[in-house]
N, C-alpha and C. Protein backbone atom coordinates (compact mmCIF):
# COMPACT_ATOMS: atom_id res chain seq x y z
N MET A 1 -1.22 25.18 3.93
CA MET A 1 -0.96 24.61 2.61
C MET A 1 -0.28 23.24 2.74
N LYS A 2 0.72 23.15 3.63
CA LYS A 2 1.44 21.89 3.79
C LYS A 2 0.53 20.80 4.34
N THR A 3 -0.36 21.18 5.25
CA THR A 3 -1.31 20.22 5.81
C THR A 3 -2.23 19.68 4.72
N THR A 4 -2.65 20.53 3.81
CA THR A 4 -3.51 20.09 2.72
C THR A 4 -2.79 19.11 1.81
N VAL A 5 -1.53 19.36 1.53
CA VAL A 5 -0.75 18.46 0.68
C VAL A 5 -0.58 17.11 1.37
N ILE A 6 -0.27 17.10 2.66
CA ILE A 6 -0.13 15.84 3.41
C ILE A 6 -1.46 15.10 3.41
N TRP A 7 -2.57 15.82 3.60
CA TRP A 7 -3.89 15.19 3.59
C TRP A 7 -4.18 14.56 2.23
N LEU A 8 -3.85 15.24 1.16
CA LEU A 8 -4.05 14.68 -0.18
C LEU A 8 -3.18 13.44 -0.41
N ILE A 9 -1.97 13.46 0.11
CA ILE A 9 -1.10 12.28 0.01
C ILE A 9 -1.72 11.11 0.77
N LEU A 10 -2.27 11.38 1.96
CA LEU A 10 -2.91 10.33 2.75
C LEU A 10 -4.12 9.75 2.02
N ILE A 11 -4.91 10.59 1.39
CA ILE A 11 -6.07 10.12 0.63
C ILE A 11 -5.62 9.26 -0.54
N SER A 12 -4.58 9.69 -1.25
CA SER A 12 -4.11 8.91 -2.40
C SER A 12 -3.52 7.57 -1.95
N LEU A 13 -2.83 7.53 -0.80
CA LEU A 13 -2.31 6.26 -0.28
C LEU A 13 -3.45 5.33 0.13
N THR A 14 -4.52 5.89 0.68
CA THR A 14 -5.68 5.08 1.06
C THR A 14 -6.34 4.48 -0.18
N LEU A 15 -6.50 5.29 -1.21
CA LEU A 15 -7.10 4.78 -2.45
C LEU A 15 -6.21 3.73 -3.11
N THR A 16 -4.91 3.91 -3.03
CA THR A 16 -3.98 2.92 -3.58
C THR A 16 -4.07 1.61 -2.82
N SER A 17 -4.20 1.68 -1.51
CA SER A 17 -4.32 0.44 -0.74
C SER A 17 -5.64 -0.26 -1.03
N LEU A 18 -6.68 0.48 -1.37
CA LEU A 18 -7.94 -0.15 -1.78
C LEU A 18 -7.79 -0.92 -3.09
N LEU A 19 -6.93 -0.44 -3.97
CA LEU A 19 -6.70 -1.16 -5.23
C LEU A 19 -6.01 -2.50 -4.99
N PHE A 20 -5.14 -2.56 -3.99
CA PHE A 20 -4.42 -3.79 -3.66
C PHE A 20 -5.22 -4.74 -2.77
N ASN A 21 -6.39 -4.34 -2.34
CA ASN A 21 -7.14 -5.07 -1.33
C ASN A 21 -7.46 -6.51 -1.72
N GLY A 22 -7.85 -6.76 -2.95
CA GLY A 22 -8.26 -8.10 -3.35
C GLY A 22 -7.11 -9.02 -3.71
N ILE A 23 -5.89 -8.52 -3.75
CA ILE A 23 -4.75 -9.32 -4.18
C ILE A 23 -4.04 -9.88 -2.95
N ASN A 24 -3.95 -11.19 -2.86
CA ASN A 24 -3.36 -11.83 -1.69
C ASN A 24 -1.85 -11.53 -1.54
N PRO A 25 -1.03 -11.60 -2.60
CA PRO A 25 0.40 -11.32 -2.42
C PRO A 25 0.73 -9.85 -2.17
N ALA A 26 -0.24 -8.98 -2.24
CA ALA A 26 0.01 -7.55 -2.06
C ALA A 26 0.05 -7.14 -0.59
N ARG A 27 0.11 -8.11 0.30
CA ARG A 27 0.12 -7.84 1.73
C ARG A 27 1.28 -6.92 2.13
N LEU A 28 2.43 -7.15 1.56
CA LEU A 28 3.60 -6.33 1.87
C LEU A 28 3.40 -4.88 1.41
N ALA A 29 2.83 -4.71 0.23
CA ALA A 29 2.59 -3.36 -0.29
C ALA A 29 1.57 -2.62 0.57
N ILE A 30 0.52 -3.32 0.99
CA ILE A 30 -0.50 -2.68 1.83
C ILE A 30 0.10 -2.27 3.17
N MET A 31 0.93 -3.12 3.75
CA MET A 31 1.56 -2.76 5.03
C MET A 31 2.55 -1.62 4.86
N GLY A 32 3.21 -1.56 3.72
CA GLY A 32 4.10 -0.44 3.45
C GLY A 32 3.34 0.87 3.36
N LEU A 33 2.20 0.84 2.69
CA LEU A 33 1.36 2.04 2.61
C LEU A 33 0.84 2.43 3.99
N PHE A 34 0.44 1.43 4.78
CA PHE A 34 -0.01 1.69 6.14
C PHE A 34 1.09 2.34 6.97
N THR A 35 2.31 1.86 6.83
CA THR A 35 3.43 2.41 7.59
C THR A 35 3.69 3.87 7.21
N VAL A 36 3.68 4.15 5.93
CA VAL A 36 3.90 5.53 5.47
C VAL A 36 2.78 6.44 5.97
N LYS A 37 1.55 5.96 5.91
CA LYS A 37 0.42 6.77 6.39
C LYS A 37 0.52 7.02 7.89
N PHE A 38 0.90 6.02 8.66
CA PHE A 38 1.05 6.20 10.10
C PHE A 38 2.11 7.25 10.40
N ILE A 39 3.24 7.17 9.73
CA ILE A 39 4.33 8.12 9.99
C ILE A 39 3.90 9.54 9.61
N LEU A 40 3.21 9.70 8.48
CA LEU A 40 2.73 11.02 8.08
C LEU A 40 1.75 11.59 9.11
N VAL A 41 0.81 10.77 9.55
CA VAL A 41 -0.17 11.25 10.54
C VAL A 41 0.52 11.59 11.85
N ALA A 42 1.41 10.72 12.30
CA ALA A 42 2.09 10.95 13.58
C ALA A 42 2.96 12.21 13.55
N PHE A 43 3.69 12.39 12.48
CA PHE A 43 4.63 13.51 12.44
C PHE A 43 3.98 14.83 12.07
N TYR A 44 2.95 14.82 11.24
CA TYR A 44 2.38 16.09 10.78
C TYR A 44 1.10 16.48 11.49
N PHE A 45 0.31 15.53 11.97
CA PHE A 45 -0.95 15.88 12.60
C PHE A 45 -0.96 15.67 14.11
N MET A 46 -0.09 14.82 14.62
CA MET A 46 -0.05 14.57 16.06
C MET A 46 1.09 15.32 16.74
N GLY A 47 1.93 16.00 16.00
CA GLY A 47 2.96 16.83 16.59
C GLY A 47 4.22 16.10 17.02
N ILE A 48 4.44 14.89 16.57
CA ILE A 48 5.66 14.17 16.93
C ILE A 48 6.88 14.87 16.34
N ARG A 49 6.67 15.61 15.30
CA ARG A 49 7.77 16.32 14.64
C ARG A 49 8.49 17.27 15.61
N GLU A 50 7.74 17.89 16.52
CA GLU A 50 8.35 18.81 17.49
C GLU A 50 8.69 18.14 18.81
N ALA A 51 8.43 16.87 18.94
CA ALA A 51 8.66 16.16 20.20
C ALA A 51 10.14 15.82 20.38
N HIS A 52 10.44 15.29 21.54
CA HIS A 52 11.79 14.86 21.87
C HIS A 52 12.20 13.72 20.93
N THR A 53 13.49 13.61 20.68
CA THR A 53 14.01 12.59 19.76
C THR A 53 13.60 11.18 20.18
N PHE A 54 13.51 10.92 21.47
CA PHE A 54 13.09 9.62 21.96
C PHE A 54 11.73 9.24 21.39
N TRP A 55 10.78 10.17 21.39
CA TRP A 55 9.43 9.87 20.91
C TRP A 55 9.40 9.68 19.41
N LYS A 56 10.25 10.39 18.70
CA LYS A 56 10.33 10.19 17.25
C LYS A 56 10.83 8.79 16.92
N VAL A 57 11.92 8.40 17.57
CA VAL A 57 12.50 7.08 17.33
C VAL A 57 11.55 6.00 17.81
N PHE A 58 10.93 6.20 18.97
CA PHE A 58 10.01 5.21 19.52
C PHE A 58 8.80 5.00 18.61
N SER A 59 8.24 6.08 18.07
CA SER A 59 7.06 5.93 17.22
C SER A 59 7.41 5.21 15.92
N VAL A 60 8.56 5.50 15.33
CA VAL A 60 8.97 4.81 14.11
C VAL A 60 9.26 3.34 14.42
N PHE A 61 9.95 3.08 15.53
CA PHE A 61 10.23 1.70 15.93
C PHE A 61 8.94 0.93 16.17
N LEU A 62 7.98 1.55 16.83
CA LEU A 62 6.72 0.90 17.14
C LEU A 62 5.96 0.52 15.88
N ILE A 63 5.87 1.41 14.93
CA ILE A 63 5.13 1.09 13.70
C ILE A 63 5.85 0.03 12.89
N LEU A 64 7.17 0.06 12.88
CA LEU A 64 7.91 -0.98 12.17
C LEU A 64 7.72 -2.34 12.84
N LEU A 65 7.68 -2.36 14.16
CA LEU A 65 7.46 -3.59 14.90
C LEU A 65 6.06 -4.15 14.62
N ILE A 66 5.05 -3.29 14.70
CA ILE A 66 3.67 -3.72 14.45
C ILE A 66 3.52 -4.21 13.02
N SER A 67 4.08 -3.49 12.06
CA SER A 67 3.99 -3.90 10.66
C SER A 67 4.69 -5.23 10.44
N GLY A 68 5.85 -5.39 11.05
CA GLY A 68 6.58 -6.66 10.90
C GLY A 68 5.83 -7.83 11.49
N ILE A 69 5.20 -7.64 12.63
CA ILE A 69 4.42 -8.71 13.23
C ILE A 69 3.24 -9.08 12.35
N ILE A 70 2.55 -8.09 11.83
CA ILE A 70 1.39 -8.36 10.98
C ILE A 70 1.80 -9.05 9.68
N ILE A 71 2.91 -8.65 9.09
CA ILE A 71 3.35 -9.24 7.83
C ILE A 71 3.72 -10.71 8.02
N PHE A 72 4.41 -11.03 9.11
CA PHE A 72 4.94 -12.38 9.26
C PHE A 72 3.99 -13.36 9.96
N ILE A 73 2.81 -12.90 10.35
CA ILE A 73 1.84 -13.80 10.97
C ILE A 73 1.01 -14.46 9.90
């Protein structure tokens, strides 16, 4: 049941990012949605939730770093 709810949230975030696609200043919002989707997939479908704390912190740091680089380029 929880997996289905997370999947529905991911679908709704994807559809929301499609709405922002044609708007140039919406780059920050799209990257925010991408970041949330990455964290949901990593923690609920890839098993990072049960991993060592290092991998949890590293995965969140990595996505924030990648998002920051993409936003400021």
